Amino acid sequence: MNAAETRLDDLGLRVGQRFEYLFDFGDYWWHEVVVESISAVTPELRYGIIEKRGASPAQYESVDE
């Protein structure tokens, strides 16, 4: 699936299911997502982070500004 063209709704996920996605193909940042609830879309709250483990990695440190 192309992440740029796929919405979570398209996956047909159910509460309790898990999925993984790869964020950065160079650094291989894998994320595991657990579906905790499903509700109607709320424009001001599109997603939420429930739990985070470890520090966020530095991103694009070698890019000159």
PDB file of N, CA and C in Angstrom:
ATOM      1  N   MET A   1       0.840  -1.192   0.000  1.00  0.00           N
ATOM      2  CA  MET A   1       0.000   0.000   0.000  1.00  0.00           C
ATOM      3  C   MET A   1       0.873   1.239   0.000  1.00  0.00           C
ATOM      4  N   ASN A   2       0.430   2.238  -0.665  1.00  0.00           N
ATOM      5  CA  ASN A   2       1.116   3.519  -0.696  1.00  0.00           C
ATOM      6  C   ASN A   2       0.591   4.376   0.452  1.00  0.00           C
ATOM      7  N   ALA A   3       1.450   4.705   1.402  1.00  0.00           N
ATOM      8  CA  ALA A   3       1.033   5.468   2.579  1.00  0.00           C
ATOM      9  C   ALA A   3       0.490   6.846   2.223  1.00  0.00           C
ATOM     10  N   ALA A   4       0.951   7.422   1.128  1.00  0.00           N
ATOM     11  CA  ALA A   4       0.473   8.749   0.725  1.00  0.00           C
ATOM     12  C   ALA A   4      -0.967   8.696   0.218  1.00  0.00           C
ATOM     13  N   GLU A   5      -1.410   7.519  -0.175  1.00  0.00           N
ATOM     14  CA  GLU A   5      -2.751   7.384  -0.753  1.00  0.00           C
ATOM     15  C   GLU A   5      -3.695   6.550   0.114  1.00  0.00           C
ATOM     16  N   THR A   6      -3.230   6.070   1.259  1.00  0.00           N
ATOM     17  CA  THR A   6      -4.017   5.166   2.095  1.00  0.00           C
ATOM     18  C   THR A   6      -4.400   5.843   3.401  1.00  0.00           C
ATOM     19  N   ARG A   7      -5.662   5.699   3.757  1.00  0.00           N
ATOM     20  CA  ARG A   7      -6.156   6.206   5.044  1.00  0.00           C
ATOM     21  C   ARG A   7      -6.317   5.032   5.992  1.00  0.00           C
ATOM     22  N   LEU A   8      -6.241   5.279   7.280  1.00  0.00           N
ATOM     23  CA  LEU A   8      -6.425   4.196   8.239  1.00  0.00           C
ATOM     24  C   LEU A   8      -7.774   3.511   8.052  1.00  0.00           C
ATOM     25  N   ASP A   9      -8.798   4.268   7.690  1.00  0.00           N
ATOM     26  CA  ASP A   9     -10.114   3.680   7.434  1.00  0.00           C
ATOM     27  C   ASP A   9     -10.051   2.590   6.367  1.00  0.00           C
ATOM     28  N   ASP A  10      -9.156   2.747   5.405  1.00  0.00           N
ATOM     29  CA  ASP A  10      -9.041   1.790   4.308  1.00  0.00           C
ATOM     30  C   ASP A  10      -8.536   0.425   4.765  1.00  0.00           C
ATOM     31  N   LEU A  11      -7.916   0.361   5.938  1.00  0.00           N
ATOM     32  CA  LEU A  11      -7.308  -0.877   6.406  1.00  0.00           C
ATOM     33  C   LEU A  11      -8.302  -1.835   7.059  1.00  0.00           C
ATOM     34  N   GLY A  12      -9.491  -1.334   7.397  1.00  0.00           N
ATOM     35  CA  GLY A  12     -10.492  -2.189   8.029  1.00  0.00           C
ATOM     36  C   GLY A  12     -10.072  -2.707   9.393  1.00  0.00           C
ATOM     37  N   LEU A  13      -9.354  -1.900  10.137  1.00  0.00           N
ATOM     38  CA  LEU A  13      -8.841  -2.309  11.448  1.00  0.00           C
ATOM     39  C   LEU A  13      -9.965  -2.402  12.473  1.00  0.00           C
ATOM     40  N   ARG A  14      -9.743  -3.264  13.478  1.00  0.00           N
ATOM     41  CA  ARG A  14     -10.678  -3.419  14.580  1.00  0.00           C
ATOM     42  C   ARG A  14      -9.935  -3.172  15.901  1.00  0.00           C
ATOM     43  N   VAL A  15     -10.674  -2.823  16.923  1.00  0.00           N
ATOM     44  CA  VAL A  15     -10.088  -2.598  18.246  1.00  0.00           C
ATOM     45  C   VAL A  15      -9.313  -3.847  18.658  1.00  0.00           C
ATOM     46  N   GLY A  16      -8.104  -3.624  19.164  1.00  0.00           N
ATOM     47  CA  GLY A  16      -7.249  -4.712  19.604  1.00  0.00           C
ATOM     48  C   GLY A  16      -6.218  -5.148  18.569  1.00  0.00           C
ATOM     49  N   GLN A  17      -6.449  -4.785  17.311  1.00  0.00           N
ATOM     50  CA  GLN A  17      -5.477  -5.149  16.289  1.00  0.00           C
ATOM     51  C   GLN A  17      -4.245  -4.262  16.388  1.00  0.00           C
ATOM     52  N   ARG A  18      -3.135  -4.779  15.868  1.00  0.00           N
ATOM     53  CA  ARG A  18      -1.868  -4.057  15.841  1.00  0.00           C
ATOM     54  C   ARG A  18      -1.371  -4.010  14.412  1.00  0.00           C
ATOM     55  N   PHE A  19      -0.619  -2.971  14.099  1.00  0.00           N
ATOM     56  CA  PHE A  19       0.064  -2.933  12.814  1.00  0.00           C
ATOM     57  C   PHE A  19       1.365  -2.188  12.998  1.00  0.00           C
ATOM     58  N   GLU A  20       2.289  -2.405  12.087  1.00  0.00           N
ATOM     59  CA  GLU A  20       3.580  -1.725  12.125  1.00  0.00           C
ATOM     60  C   GLU A  20       3.735  -0.913  10.851  1.00  0.00           C
ATOM     61  N   TYR A  21       4.487   0.159  10.957  1.00  0.00           N
ATOM     62  CA  TYR A  21       4.849   0.891   9.737  1.00  0.00           C
ATOM     63  C   TYR A  21       6.278   1.379   9.848  1.00  0.00           C
ATOM     64  N   LEU A  22       6.885   1.523   8.710  1.00  0.00           N
ATOM     65  CA  LEU A  22       8.265   1.986   8.605  1.00  0.00           C
ATOM     66  C   LEU A  22       8.238   3.456   8.243  1.00  0.00           C
ATOM     67  N   PHE A  23       8.797   4.304   9.112  1.00  0.00           N
ATOM     68  CA  PHE A  23       8.754   5.749   8.890  1.00  0.00           C
ATOM     69  C   PHE A  23       9.880   6.227   7.990  1.00  0.00           C
ATOM     70  N   ASP A  24      11.070   5.776   8.213  1.00  0.00           N
ATOM     71  CA  ASP A  24      12.228   6.307   7.489  1.00  0.00           C
ATOM     72  C   ASP A  24      13.002   5.149   6.887  1.00  0.00           C
ATOM     73  N   PHE A  25      13.027   5.072   5.564  1.00  0.00           N
ATOM     74  CA  PHE A  25      13.667   3.948   4.901  1.00  0.00           C
ATOM     75  C   PHE A  25      15.181   3.981   5.024  1.00  0.00           C
ATOM     76  N   GLY A  26      15.777   5.101   5.411  1.00  0.00           N
ATOM     77  CA  GLY A  26      17.219   5.171   5.605  1.00  0.00           C
ATOM     78  C   GLY A  26      17.624   4.747   7.007  1.00  0.00           C
ATOM     79  N   ASP A  27      16.857   5.200   7.999  1.00  0.00           N
ATOM     80  CA  ASP A  27      17.168   4.892   9.396  1.00  0.00           C
ATOM     81  C   ASP A  27      16.330   3.747   9.952  1.00  0.00           C
ATOM     82  N   TYR A  28      15.331   3.315   9.221  1.00  0.00           N
ATOM     83  CA  TYR A  28      14.458   2.207   9.620  1.00  0.00           C
ATOM     84  C   TYR A  28      13.823   2.426  10.989  1.00  0.00           C
ATOM     85  N   TRP A  29      13.018   3.460  11.100  1.00  0.00           N
ATOM     86  CA  TRP A  29      12.281   3.726  12.325  1.00  0.00           C
ATOM     87  C   TRP A  29      10.954   2.984  12.247  1.00  0.00           C
ATOM     88  N   TRP A  30      10.884   1.826  12.898  1.00  0.00           N
ATOM     89  CA  TRP A  30       9.668   1.028  12.921  1.00  0.00           C
ATOM     90  C   TRP A  30       8.772   1.488  14.058  1.00  0.00           C
ATOM     91  N   HIS A  31       7.483   1.534  13.806  1.00  0.00           N
ATOM     92  CA  HIS A  31       6.493   1.912  14.813  1.00  0.00           C
ATOM     93  C   HIS A  31       5.440   0.819  14.890  1.00  0.00           C
ATOM     94  N   GLU A  32       5.068   0.450  16.098  1.00  0.00           N
ATOM     95  CA  GLU A  32       3.968  -0.481  16.295  1.00  0.00           C
ATOM     96  C   GLU A  32       2.779   0.331  16.806  1.00  0.00           C
ATOM     97  N   VAL A  33       1.642   0.156  16.170  1.00  0.00           N
ATOM     98  CA  VAL A  33       0.427   0.887  16.532  1.00  0.00           C
ATOM     99  C   VAL A  33      -0.626  -0.120  16.986  1.00  0.00           C
ATOM    100  N   VAL A  34      -1.263   0.159  18.126  1.00  0.00           N
ATOM    101  CA  VAL A  34      -2.335  -0.680  18.648  1.00  0.00           C
ATOM    102  C   VAL A  34      -3.629   0.118  18.557  1.00  0.00           C
ATOM    103  N   VAL A  35      -4.655  -0.468  17.964  1.00  0.00           N
ATOM    104  CA  VAL A  35      -5.960   0.194  17.859  1.00  0.00           C
ATOM    105  C   VAL A  35      -6.658   0.045  19.198  1.00  0.00           C
ATOM    106  N   GLU A  36      -6.814   1.153  19.917  1.00  0.00           N
ATOM    107  CA  GLU A  36      -7.456   1.117  21.227  1.00  0.00           C
ATOM    108  C   GLU A  36      -8.929   1.484  21.154  1.00  0.00           C
ATOM    109  N   SER A  37      -9.293   2.317  20.207  1.00  0.00           N
ATOM    110  CA  SER A  37     -10.706   2.667  20.028  1.00  0.00           C
ATOM    111  C   SER A  37     -10.892   3.217  18.621  1.00  0.00           C
ATOM    112  N   ILE A  38     -12.125   3.181  18.182  1.00  0.00           N
ATOM    113  CA  ILE A  38     -12.479   3.731  16.878  1.00  0.00           C
ATOM    114  C   ILE A  38     -13.701   4.617  17.090  1.00  0.00           C
ATOM    115  N   SER A  39     -13.626   5.843  16.598  1.00  0.00           N
ATOM    116  CA  SER A  39     -14.743   6.778  16.765  1.00  0.00           C
ATOM    117  C   SER A  39     -14.860   7.649  15.526  1.00  0.00           C
ATOM    118  N   ALA A  40     -15.885   8.442  15.524  1.00  0.00           N
ATOM    119  CA  ALA A  40     -16.099   9.355  14.403  1.00  0.00           C
ATOM    120  C   ALA A  40     -14.959  10.367  14.321  1.00  0.00           C
ATOM    121  N   VAL A  41     -14.708  10.859  13.134  1.00  0.00           N
ATOM    122  CA  VAL A  41     -13.648  11.844  12.919  1.00  0.00           C
ATOM    123  C   VAL A  41     -14.014  13.154  13.614  1.00  0.00           C
ATOM    124  N   THR A  42     -13.048  13.679  14.349  1.00  0.00           N
ATOM    125  CA  THR A  42     -13.185  14.982  14.994  1.00  0.00           C
ATOM    126  C   THR A  42     -12.123  15.876  14.390  1.00  0.00           C
ATOM    127  N   PRO A  43     -12.507  16.912  13.643  1.00  0.00           N
ATOM    128  CA  PRO A  43     -11.512  17.725  12.933  1.00  0.00           C
ATOM    129  C   PRO A  43     -10.374  18.251  13.795  1.00  0.00           C
ATOM    130  N   GLU A  44     -10.635  18.642  15.034  1.00  0.00           N
ATOM    131  CA  GLU A  44      -9.580  19.210  15.865  1.00  0.00           C
ATOM    132  C   GLU A  44      -8.697  18.142  16.513  1.00  0.00           C
ATOM    133  N   LEU A  45      -9.105  16.873  16.515  1.00  0.00           N
ATOM    134  CA  LEU A  45      -8.296  15.788  17.060  1.00  0.00           C
ATOM    135  C   LEU A  45      -8.285  14.646  16.060  1.00  0.00           C
ATOM    136  N   ARG A  46      -7.216  14.574  15.290  1.00  0.00           N
ATOM    137  CA  ARG A  46      -7.142  13.562  14.250  1.00  0.00           C
ATOM    138  C   ARG A  46      -6.447  12.298  14.724  1.00  0.00           C
ATOM    139  N   TYR A  47      -5.579  12.388  15.716  1.00  0.00           N
ATOM    140  CA  TYR A  47      -4.876  11.234  16.257  1.00  0.00           C
ATOM    141  C   TYR A  47      -4.305  11.622  17.606  1.00  0.00           C
ATOM    142  N   GLY A  48      -3.850  10.655  18.351  1.00  0.00           N
ATOM    143  CA  GLY A  48      -3.256  10.955  19.644  1.00  0.00           C
ATOM    144  C   GLY A  48      -2.203   9.922  19.987  1.00  0.00           C
ATOM    145  N   ILE A  49      -1.176  10.333  20.664  1.00  0.00           N
ATOM    146  CA  ILE A  49      -0.123   9.433  21.118  1.00  0.00           C
ATOM    147  C   ILE A  49      -0.460   9.028  22.544  1.00  0.00           C
ATOM    148  N   ILE A  50      -0.603   7.739  22.744  1.00  0.00           N
ATOM    149  CA  ILE A  50      -0.971   7.219  24.057  1.00  0.00           C
ATOM    150  C   ILE A  50       0.261   6.884  24.883  1.00  0.00           C
ATOM    151  N   GLU A  51       1.268   6.312  24.240  1.00  0.00           N
ATOM    152  CA  GLU A  51       2.473   5.888  24.943  1.00  0.00           C
ATOM    153  C   GLU A  51       3.682   6.077  24.042  1.00  0.00           C
ATOM    154  N   LYS A  52       4.777   6.492  24.623  1.00  0.00           N
ATOM    155  CA  LYS A  52       6.025   6.694  23.889  1.00  0.00           C
ATOM    156  C   LYS A  52       7.135   6.046  24.686  1.00  0.00           C
ATOM    157  N   ARG A  53       8.014   5.325  23.998  1.00  0.00           N
ATOM    158  CA  ARG A  53       9.142   4.679  24.674  1.00  0.00           C
ATOM    159  C   ARG A  53      10.444   5.232  24.123  1.00  0.00           C
ATOM    160  N   GLY A  54      11.290   5.717  24.983  1.00  0.00           N
ATOM    161  CA  GLY A  54      12.598   6.215  24.566  1.00  0.00           C
ATOM    162  C   GLY A  54      12.535   7.626  24.010  1.00  0.00           C
ATOM    163  N   ALA A  55      13.704   8.165  23.767  1.00  0.00           N
ATOM    164  CA  ALA A  55      13.820   9.523  23.230  1.00  0.00           C
ATOM    165  C   ALA A  55      13.574   9.520  21.729  1.00  0.00           C
ATOM    166  N   SER A  56      13.060  10.599  21.230  1.00  0.00           N
ATOM    167  CA  SER A  56      12.885  10.742  19.790  1.00  0.00           C
ATOM    168  C   SER A  56      14.251  10.902  19.144  1.00  0.00           C
ATOM    169  N   PRO A  57      14.487  10.253  18.020  1.00  0.00           N
ATOM    170  CA  PRO A  57      15.792  10.378  17.359  1.00  0.00           C
ATOM    171  C   PRO A  57      15.959  11.751  16.715  1.00  0.00           C
ATOM    172  N   ALA A  58      17.199  12.198  16.629  1.00  0.00           N
ATOM    173  CA  ALA A  58      17.478  13.447  15.908  1.00  0.00           C
ATOM    174  C   ALA A  58      17.153  13.193  14.442  1.00  0.00           C
ATOM    175  N   GLN A  59      16.576  14.160  13.808  1.00  0.00           N
ATOM    176  CA  GLN A  59      16.170  13.973  12.417  1.00  0.00           C
ATOM    177  C   GLN A  59      16.900  14.960  11.520  1.00  0.00           C
ATOM    178  N   TYR A  60      17.524  14.432  10.481  1.00  0.00           N
ATOM    179  CA  TYR A  60      18.189  15.233   9.452  1.00  0.00           C
ATOM    180  C   TYR A  60      19.244  16.172  10.030  1.00  0.00           C
ATOM    181  N   GLU A  61      20.076  15.653  10.911  1.00  0.00           N
ATOM    182  CA  GLU A  61      21.120  16.462  11.544  1.00  0.00           C
ATOM    183  C   GLU A  61      22.111  17.013  10.527  1.00  0.00           C
ATOM    184  N   SER A  62      22.332  16.299   9.440  1.00  0.00           N
ATOM    185  CA  SER A  62      23.349  16.718   8.477  1.00  0.00           C
ATOM    186  C   SER A  62      22.843  17.732   7.465  1.00  0.00           C
ATOM    187  N   VAL A  63      21.600  18.123   7.515  1.00  0.00           N
ATOM    188  CA  VAL A  63      21.032  19.072   6.560  1.00  0.00           C
ATOM    189  C   VAL A  63      21.370  20.504   7.004  1.00  0.00           C
ATOM    190  N   ASP A  64      21.964  21.257   6.111  1.00  0.00           N
ATOM    191  CA  ASP A  64      22.266  22.665   6.410  1.00  0.00           C
ATOM    192  C   ASP A  64      21.001  23.486   6.301  1.00  0.00           C
ATOM    193  N   GLU A  65      20.817  24.427   7.208  1.00  0.00           N
ATOM    194  CA  GLU A  65      19.638  25.289   7.164  1.00  0.00           C
ATOM    195  C   GLU A  65      19.920  26.560   6.430  1.00  0.00           C
TER     196      GLU A  65
END
